[in-house]
PDB file of N, CA and C in Angstrom:
ATOM      1  N   MET A   1     180.384 236.322 132.374  1.00  0.00           N
ATOM      2  CA  MET A   1     179.543 235.991 131.831  1.00  0.00           C
ATOM      3  C   MET A   1     179.484 237.038 130.691  1.00  0.00           C
ATOM      4  N   LYS A   2     179.313 236.584 129.060  1.00  0.00           N
ATOM      5  CA  LYS A   2     179.367 236.989 128.407  1.00  0.00           C
ATOM      6  C   LYS A   2     178.418 237.722 127.267  1.00  0.00           C
ATOM      7  N   ASN A   3     177.804 238.766 127.767  1.00  0.00           N
ATOM      8  CA  ASN A   3     177.180 239.696 126.677  1.00  0.00           C
ATOM      9  C   ASN A   3     176.795 239.310 125.107  1.00  0.00           C
ATOM     10  N   ILE A   4     175.693 238.575 124.876  1.00  0.00           N
ATOM     11  CA  ILE A   4     176.142 237.993 122.936  1.00  0.00           C
ATOM     12  C   ILE A   4     175.064 239.555 122.504  1.00  0.00           C
ATOM     13  N   VAL A   5     175.399 240.378 121.479  1.00  0.00           N
ATOM     14  CA  VAL A   5     174.305 241.625 121.246  1.00  0.00           C
ATOM     15  C   VAL A   5     174.587 241.120 119.901  1.00  0.00           C
ATOM     16  N   GLY A   6     173.739 241.224 118.945  1.00  0.00           N
ATOM     17  CA  GLY A   6     173.442 241.087 117.760  1.00  0.00           C
ATOM     18  C   GLY A   6     171.804 240.385 117.567  1.00  0.00           C
ATOM     19  N   THR A   7     171.735 239.850 116.316  1.00  0.00           N
ATOM     20  CA  THR A   7     170.393 239.136 115.449  1.00  0.00           C
ATOM     21  C   THR A   7     170.773 238.144 115.248  1.00  0.00           C
ATOM     22  N   ASN A   8     169.990 236.996 115.627  1.00  0.00           N
ATOM     23  CA  ASN A   8     170.213 235.864 115.577  1.00  0.00           C
ATOM     24  C   ASN A   8     169.138 235.018 114.251  1.00  0.00           C
ATOM     25  N   TYR A   9     169.585 235.186 113.340  1.00  0.00           N
ATOM     26  CA  TYR A   9     168.713 235.306 112.061  1.00  0.00           C
ATOM     27  C   TYR A   9     167.679 233.646 111.898  1.00  0.00           C
ATOM     28  N   ASP A  10     169.060 233.065 112.776  1.00  0.00           N
ATOM     29  CA  ASP A  10     167.906 231.414 112.895  1.00  0.00           C
ATOM     30  C   ASP A  10     166.311 231.745 113.463  1.00  0.00           C
ATOM     31  N   LYS A  11     166.989 231.786 114.957  1.00  0.00           N
ATOM     32  CA  LYS A  11     165.777 231.865 115.659  1.00  0.00           C
ATOM     33  C   LYS A  11     164.450 232.738 115.011  1.00  0.00           C
ATOM     34  N   TRP A  12     165.236 233.984 114.105  1.00  0.00           N
ATOM     35  CA  TRP A  12     164.264 235.190 113.288  1.00  0.00           C
ATOM     36  C   TRP A  12     163.252 234.506 112.030  1.00  0.00           C
ATOM     37  N   ALA A  13     163.816 233.441 111.563  1.00  0.00           N
ATOM     38  CA  ALA A  13     163.389 232.670 110.609  1.00  0.00           C
ATOM     39  C   ALA A  13     163.032 231.673 110.956  1.00  0.00           C
ATOM     40  N   ARG A  14     163.026 231.061 112.126  1.00  0.00           N
ATOM     41  CA  ARG A  14     161.806 229.845 112.541  1.00  0.00           C
ATOM     42  C   ARG A  14     160.848 230.706 113.063  1.00  0.00           C
ATOM     43  N   LEU A  15     160.705 231.749 113.635  1.00  0.00           N
ATOM     44  CA  LEU A  15     159.720 232.209 114.242  1.00  0.00           C
ATOM     45  C   LEU A  15     158.775 232.910 113.240  1.00  0.00           C
ATOM     46  N   THR A  16     159.189 233.639 111.880  1.00  0.00           N
ATOM     47  CA  THR A  16     158.187 234.094 110.878  1.00  0.00           C
ATOM     48  C   THR A  16     158.047 233.271 109.876  1.00  0.00           C
ATOM     49  N   SER A  17     158.621 231.444 109.730  1.00  0.00           N
ATOM     50  CA  SER A  17     158.063 230.640 109.516  1.00  0.00           C
ATOM     51  C   SER A  17     156.849 229.927 109.518  1.00  0.00           C
ATOM     52  N   ILE A  18     157.311 229.916 111.445  1.00  0.00           N
ATOM     53  CA  ILE A  18     155.985 229.286 112.249  1.00  0.00           C
ATOM     54  C   ILE A  18     154.386 230.110 111.550  1.00  0.00           C
ATOM     55  N   VAL A  19     154.565 231.550 111.754  1.00  0.00           N
ATOM     56  CA  VAL A  19     153.902 232.472 111.703  1.00  0.00           C
ATOM     57  C   VAL A  19     153.101 232.245 110.198  1.00  0.00           C
ATOM     58  N   SER A  20     154.281 232.022 109.538  1.00  0.00           N
ATOM     59  CA  SER A  20     153.886 231.980 107.868  1.00  0.00           C
ATOM     60  C   SER A  20     152.943 230.098 107.607  1.00  0.00           C
ATOM     61  N   ILE A  21     153.317 229.140 108.545  1.00  0.00           N
ATOM     62  CA  ILE A  21     152.879 228.266 108.498  1.00  0.00           C
ATOM     63  C   ILE A  21     151.378 228.223 108.748  1.00  0.00           C
ATOM     64  N   ASN A  22     151.602 229.018 109.740  1.00  0.00           N
ATOM     65  CA  ASN A  22     150.155 228.912 111.027  1.00  0.00           C
ATOM     66  C   ASN A  22     149.393 229.512 109.882  1.00  0.00           C
ATOM     67  N   THR A  23     149.589 230.803 109.442  1.00  0.00           N
ATOM     68  CA  THR A  23     148.637 231.541 108.050  1.00  0.00           C
ATOM     69  C   THR A  23     148.092 230.763 107.269  1.00  0.00           C
ATOM     70  N   SER A  24     149.122 230.025 106.643  1.00  0.00           N
ATOM     71  CA  SER A  24     148.643 229.315 105.535  1.00  0.00           C
ATOM     72  C   SER A  24     147.625 228.062 105.534  1.00  0.00           C
ATOM     73  N   ASN A  25     147.774 227.769 106.843  1.00  0.00           N
ATOM     74  CA  ASN A  25     146.611 226.079 106.999  1.00  0.00           C
ATOM     75  C   ASN A  25     145.506 226.937 107.745  1.00  0.00           C
ATOM     76  N   ILE A  26     145.424 228.377 107.602  1.00  0.00           N
ATOM     77  CA  ILE A  26     143.421 228.582 107.836  1.00  0.00           C
ATOM     78  C   ILE A  26     143.299 228.418 106.492  1.00  0.00           C
ATOM     79  N   SER A  27     142.052 227.456 106.825  1.00  0.00           N
ATOM     80  CA  SER A  27     141.353 226.628 105.858  1.00  0.00           C
ATOM     81  C   SER A  27     140.270 228.099 105.702  1.00  0.00           C
ATOM     82  N   GLU A  28     139.708 228.054 104.352  1.00  0.00           N
ATOM     83  CA  GLU A  28     138.185 228.880 103.866  1.00  0.00           C
ATOM     84  C   GLU A  28     137.069 227.918 103.826  1.00  0.00           C
ATOM     85  N   LEU A  29     136.020 228.810 103.849  1.00  0.00           N
ATOM     86  CA  LEU A  29     134.571 227.787 104.421  1.00  0.00           C
ATOM     87  C   LEU A  29     134.030 227.763 103.291  1.00  0.00           C
ATOM     88  N   ALA A  30     133.494 226.512 103.460  1.00  0.00           N
ATOM     89  CA  ALA A  30     132.358 226.223 102.139  1.00  0.00           C
ATOM     90  C   ALA A  30     131.533 226.893 102.291  1.00  0.00           C
ATOM     91  N   GLU A  31     131.082 227.236 100.925  1.00  0.00           N
ATOM     92  CA  GLU A  31     129.203 227.503 101.099  1.00  0.00           C
ATOM     93  C   GLU A  31     128.425 226.601 100.784  1.00  0.00           C
ATOM     94  N   LEU A  32     127.695 226.856 101.434  1.00  0.00           N
ATOM     95  CA  LEU A  32     126.463 226.489 101.841  1.00  0.00           C
ATOM     96  C   LEU A  32     125.673 225.845 100.980  1.00  0.00           C
ATOM     97  N   THR A  33     124.812 224.709 100.403  1.00  0.00           N
ATOM     98  CA  THR A  33     123.588 225.330  99.228  1.00  0.00           C
ATOM     99  C   THR A  33     122.580 224.604 100.434  1.00  0.00           C
ATOM    100  N   PHE A  34     121.567 225.895  99.999  1.00  0.00           N
ATOM    101  CA  PHE A  34     120.489 225.772 100.203  1.00  0.00           C
ATOM    102  C   PHE A  34     119.361 225.026  99.275  1.00  0.00           C
ATOM    103  N   SER A  35     118.394 224.299  99.684  1.00  0.00           N
ATOM    104  CA  SER A  35     117.332 224.391  98.157  1.00  0.00           C
ATOM    105  C   SER A  35     116.464 225.166  97.946  1.00  0.00           C
ATOM    106  N   ALA A  36     115.464 225.639  99.598  1.00  0.00           N
ATOM    107  CA  ALA A  36     115.082 226.434  98.959  1.00  0.00           C
ATOM    108  C   ALA A  36     114.604 227.287 100.073  1.00  0.00           C
ATOM    109  N   THR A  37     114.807 228.636 100.734  1.00  0.00           N
ATOM    110  CA  THR A  37     114.450 229.488 101.692  1.00  0.00           C
ATOM    111  C   THR A  37     114.404 230.733 101.332  1.00  0.00           C
ATOM    112  N   THR A  38     113.857 231.766 102.296  1.00  0.00           N
ATOM    113  CA  THR A  38     113.737 233.068 102.226  1.00  0.00           C
ATOM    114  C   THR A  38     113.684 233.722 103.272  1.00  0.00           C
ATOM    115  N   MET A  39     114.463 232.725 104.442  1.00  0.00           N
ATOM    116  CA  MET A  39     114.957 233.533 105.841  1.00  0.00           C
ATOM    117  C   MET A  39     116.047 233.944 105.150  1.00  0.00           C
ATOM    118  N   THR A  40     116.420 235.390 105.697  1.00  0.00           N
ATOM    119  CA  THR A  40     117.354 236.305 105.712  1.00  0.00           C
ATOM    120  C   THR A  40     118.547 235.598 106.174  1.00  0.00           C
ATOM    121  N   PRO A  41     118.785 234.861 107.475  1.00  0.00           N
ATOM    122  CA  PRO A  41     119.419 234.645 108.199  1.00  0.00           C
ATOM    123  C   PRO A  41     120.240 233.577 107.029  1.00  0.00           C
ATOM    124  N   PHE A  42     120.208 232.845 106.295  1.00  0.00           N
ATOM    125  CA  PHE A  42     120.294 231.867 105.538  1.00  0.00           C
ATOM    126  C   PHE A  42     120.545 232.476 103.973  1.00  0.00           C
ATOM    127  N   THR A  43     119.455 233.324 103.751  1.00  0.00           N
ATOM    128  CA  THR A  43     120.313 233.821 102.456  1.00  0.00           C
ATOM    129  C   THR A  43     121.299 234.994 102.604  1.00  0.00           C
ATOM    130  N   SER A  44     121.939 235.517 103.127  1.00  0.00           N
ATOM    131  CA  SER A  44     123.132 235.994 103.534  1.00  0.00           C
ATOM    132  C   SER A  44     124.144 235.346 104.232  1.00  0.00           C
ATOM    133  N   PHE A  45     123.990 234.316 104.403  1.00  0.00           N
ATOM    134  CA  PHE A  45     124.866 233.555 105.142  1.00  0.00           C
ATOM    135  C   PHE A  45     126.418 233.187 104.111  1.00  0.00           C
ATOM    136  N   ASN A  46     125.807 232.777 102.824  1.00  0.00           N
ATOM    137  CA  ASN A  46     127.526 232.872 101.963  1.00  0.00           C
ATOM    138  C   ASN A  46     128.119 234.044 101.795  1.00  0.00           C
ATOM    139  N   GLU A  47     126.837 235.188 101.707  1.00  0.00           N
ATOM    140  CA  GLU A  47     127.968 236.537 101.923  1.00  0.00           C
ATOM    141  C   GLU A  47     128.496 236.450 102.932  1.00  0.00           C
ATOM    142  N   SER A  48     128.510 236.448 103.875  1.00  0.00           N
ATOM    143  CA  SER A  48     129.221 236.463 105.134  1.00  0.00           C
ATOM    144  C   SER A  48     130.280 235.194 104.359  1.00  0.00           C
ATOM    145  N   THR A  49     130.025 234.114 104.621  1.00  0.00           N
ATOM    146  CA  THR A  49     131.307 233.511 103.830  1.00  0.00           C
ATOM    147  C   THR A  49     131.983 233.870 102.484  1.00  0.00           C
ATOM    148  N   SER A  50     131.718 234.515 102.306  1.00  0.00           N
ATOM    149  CA  SER A  50     132.409 235.106 100.610  1.00  0.00           C
ATOM    150  C   SER A  50     132.855 236.125 101.945  1.00  0.00           C
ATOM    151  N   SER A  51     132.744 237.018 102.183  1.00  0.00           N
ATOM    152  CA  SER A  51     133.528 238.135 102.762  1.00  0.00           C
ATOM    153  C   SER A  51     134.869 236.948 103.904  1.00  0.00           C
ATOM    154  N   PHE A  52     134.200 236.441 104.833  1.00  0.00           N
ATOM    155  CA  PHE A  52     135.322 235.782 105.394  1.00  0.00           C
ATOM    156  C   PHE A  52     136.423 234.953 104.425  1.00  0.00           C
ATOM    157  N   ASN A  53     135.984 234.579 103.287  1.00  0.00           N
ATOM    158  CA  ASN A  53     136.942 233.837 102.489  1.00  0.00           C
ATOM    159  C   ASN A  53     137.793 234.806 101.669  1.00  0.00           C
ATOM    160  N   THR A  54     137.430 235.758 101.709  1.00  0.00           N
ATOM    161  CA  THR A  54     138.293 237.153 101.099  1.00  0.00           C
ATOM    162  C   THR A  54     139.234 237.796 101.999  1.00  0.00           C
ATOM    163  N   ALA A  55     138.810 238.121 103.027  1.00  0.00           N
ATOM    164  CA  ALA A  55     139.566 238.159 104.269  1.00  0.00           C
ATOM    165  C   ALA A  55     140.402 237.434 104.380  1.00  0.00           C
ATOM    166  N   ILE A  56     140.863 235.916 104.736  1.00  0.00           N
ATOM    167  CA  ILE A  56     141.896 235.290 104.637  1.00  0.00           C
ATOM    168  C   ILE A  56     142.821 235.072 103.774  1.00  0.00           C
ATOM    169  N   GLY A  57     141.958 235.270 102.295  1.00  0.00           N
ATOM    170  CA  GLY A  57     143.090 235.470 101.151  1.00  0.00           C
ATOM    171  C   GLY A  57     143.739 236.723 101.225  1.00  0.00           C
ATOM    172  N   ASN A  58     143.166 237.656 102.112  1.00  0.00           N
ATOM    173  CA  ASN A  58     144.203 238.927 102.112  1.00  0.00           C
ATOM    174  C   ASN A  58     145.366 238.515 103.070  1.00  0.00           C
ATOM    175  N   LEU A  59     144.802 238.280 104.197  1.00  0.00           N
ATOM    176  CA  LEU A  59     145.408 237.539 105.476  1.00  0.00           C
ATOM    177  C   LEU A  59     146.932 236.976 105.211  1.00  0.00           C
ATOM    178  N   LYS A  60     146.880 236.131 103.875  1.00  0.00           N
ATOM    179  CA  LYS A  60     147.231 234.933 103.733  1.00  0.00           C
ATOM    180  C   LYS A  60     148.667 236.011 102.507  1.00  0.00           C
ATOM    181  N   ALA A  61     147.818 236.809 101.300  1.00  0.00           N
ATOM    182  CA  ALA A  61     148.764 237.556 100.752  1.00  0.00           C
ATOM    183  C   ALA A  61     149.448 238.419 101.429  1.00  0.00           C
ATOM    184  N   PHE A  62     148.882 239.212 102.725  1.00  0.00           N
ATOM    185  CA  PHE A  62     149.708 240.161 103.649  1.00  0.00           C
ATOM    186  C   PHE A  62     150.809 239.396 104.179  1.00  0.00           C
ATOM    187  N   THR A  63     150.301 238.282 105.040  1.00  0.00           N
ATOM    188  CA  THR A  63     151.692 237.496 105.470  1.00  0.00           C
ATOM    189  C   THR A  63     152.575 237.109 105.193  1.00  0.00           C
ATOM    190  N   THR A  64     152.369 236.381 103.734  1.00  0.00           N
ATOM    191  CA  THR A  64     153.684 236.161 102.575  1.00  0.00           C
ATOM    192  C   THR A  64     154.153 237.189 102.458  1.00  0.00           C
ATOM    193  N   THR A  65     154.064 238.628 101.762  1.00  0.00           N
ATOM    194  CA  THR A  65     155.057 239.855 101.715  1.00  0.00           C
ATOM    195  C   THR A  65     155.469 240.331 103.178  1.00  0.00           C
ATOM    196  N   ASP A  66     154.761 240.004 104.052  1.00  0.00           N
ATOM    197  CA  ASP A  66     155.370 240.603 105.752  1.00  0.00           C
ATOM    198  C   ASP A  66     157.044 239.895 106.022  1.00  0.00           C
ATOM    199  N   VAL A  67     156.089 237.912 105.915  1.00  0.00           N
ATOM    200  CA  VAL A  67     157.621 237.104 106.265  1.00  0.00           C
ATOM    201  C   VAL A  67     158.810 237.410 105.438  1.00  0.00           C
ATOM    202  N   THR A  68     158.746 238.158 104.105  1.00  0.00           N
ATOM    203  CA  THR A  68     159.684 237.973 103.297  1.00  0.00           C
ATOM    204  C   THR A  68     160.572 239.352 103.578  1.00  0.00           C
ATOM    205  N   ASN A  69     159.769 240.469 103.855  1.00  0.00           N
ATOM    206  CA  ASN A  69     160.150 241.670 104.026  1.00  0.00           C
ATOM    207  C   ASN A  69     160.950 241.278 105.587  1.00  0.00           C
ATOM    208  N   MET A  70     160.268 240.698 106.410  1.00  0.00           N
ATOM    209  CA  MET A  70     160.545 240.703 107.871  1.00  0.00           C
ATOM    210  C   MET A  70     162.062 240.078 107.459  1.00  0.00           C
ATOM    211  N   ASN A  71     161.850 238.263 106.847  1.00  0.00           N
ATOM    212  CA  ASN A  71     163.350 237.999 107.388  1.00  0.00           C
ATOM    213  C   ASN A  71     164.240 238.919 106.375  1.00  0.00           C
ATOM    214  N   THR A  72     164.360 239.650 105.129  1.00  0.00           N
ATOM    215  CA  THR A  72     164.842 240.184 104.381  1.00  0.00           C
ATOM    216  C   THR A  72     165.880 241.401 105.503  1.00  0.00           C
ATOM    217  N   ALA A  73     164.720 242.146 106.317  1.00  0.00           N
ATOM    218  CA  ALA A  73     165.248 243.214 107.243  1.00  0.00           C
ATOM    219  C   ALA A  73     166.021 242.417 108.283  1.00  0.00           C
ATOM    220  N   ALA A  74     166.229 240.872 108.543  1.00  0.00           N
ATOM    221  CA  ALA A  74     166.673 240.513 109.576  1.00  0.00           C
ATOM    222  C   ALA A  74     167.992 240.130 108.890  1.00  0.00           C
ATOM    223  N   SER A  75     167.936 239.949 107.820  1.00  0.00           N
ATOM    224  CA  SER A  75     169.364 239.332 107.105  1.00  0.00           C
ATOM    225  C   SER A  75     169.872 240.656 107.261  1.00  0.00           C
ATOM    226  N   ASN A  76     169.742 241.747 106.944  1.00  0.00           N
ATOM    227  CA  ASN A  76     170.328 242.844 106.926  1.00  0.00           C
ATOM    228  C   ASN A  76     171.063 243.305 107.997  1.00  0.00           C
ATOM    229  N   LYS A  77     169.932 243.319 108.691  1.00  0.00           N
ATOM    230  CA  LYS A  77     170.742 243.045 110.384  1.00  0.00           C
ATOM    231  C   LYS A  77     171.832 242.562 110.615  1.00  0.00           C
ATOM    232  N   VAL A  78     171.464 241.113 110.382  1.00  0.00           N
ATOM    233  CA  VAL A  78     172.641 240.404 110.331  1.00  0.00           C
ATOM    234  C   VAL A  78     173.812 241.425 110.096  1.00  0.00           C
ATOM    235  N   GLU A  79     173.599 241.566 108.725  1.00  0.00           N
ATOM    236  CA  GLU A  79     175.428 241.861 107.855  1.00  0.00           C
ATOM    237  C   GLU A  79     175.609 243.309 108.453  1.00  0.00           C
ATOM    238  N   ASP A  80     174.703 244.200 108.982  1.00  0.00           N
ATOM    239  CA  ASP A  80     175.094 245.341 109.423  1.00  0.00           C
ATOM    240  C   ASP A  80     175.688 245.110 110.783  1.00  0.00           C
ATOM    241  N   ASP A  81     175.178 244.144 111.749  1.00  0.00           N
ATOM    242  CA  ASP A  81     176.043 243.696 112.796  1.00  0.00           C
ATOM    243  C   ASP A  81     177.032 243.481 113.050  1.00  0.00           C
ATOM    244  N   LYS A  82     177.351 242.045 111.554  1.00  0.00           N
ATOM    245  CA  LYS A  82     178.973 241.751 111.472  1.00  0.00           C
ATOM    246  C   LYS A  82     179.556 242.793 110.784  1.00  0.00           C
ATOM    247  N   LYS A  83     178.981 244.254 109.946  1.00  0.00           N
ATOM    248  CA  LYS A  83     179.990 245.235 109.879  1.00  0.00           C
ATOM    249  C   LYS A  83     180.708 245.858 110.774  1.00  0.00           C
ATOM    250  N   GLN A  84     179.302 246.089 111.484  1.00  0.00           N
ATOM    251  CA  GLN A  84     179.920 246.840 112.850  1.00  0.00           C
ATOM    252  C   GLN A  84     181.157 245.878 113.746  1.00  0.00           C
ATOM    253  N   ALA A  85     181.056 244.668 113.954  1.00  0.00           N
ATOM    254  CA  ALA A  85     181.647 244.191 115.303  1.00  0.00           C
ATOM    255  C   ALA A  85     182.986 243.942 114.013  1.00  0.00           C
ATOM    256  N   ASP A  86     183.044 244.206 112.834  1.00  0.00           N
ATOM    257  CA  ASP A  86     184.503 244.080 112.174  1.00  0.00           C
ATOM    258  C   ASP A  86     185.302 245.311 112.143  1.00  0.00           C
ATOM    259  N   ALA A  87     184.403 246.507 112.006  1.00  0.00           N
ATOM    260  CA  ALA A  87     185.110 248.040 112.199  1.00  0.00           C
ATOM    261  C   ALA A  87     185.843 248.245 112.928  1.00  0.00           C
TER     262      ALA A  87
END
């Protein structure tokens, strides 16, 4: 049985693509409109929604950058593997 050593870029790219797609599909929450209330749980609800939406935006930006960096690293590893195999 032959042992295969190296980086499979296609598998790696499929995995990072799944992460990217799943993260980009996370929806932001819509703010709720209340006609009139002084009840604290409701008056602060939109602040929590805004914080959540900010966190989701930050996660999406991080994931986009991370996927790009991870794919670049995998591509570099494939090239290094090829150079070592040809040495």
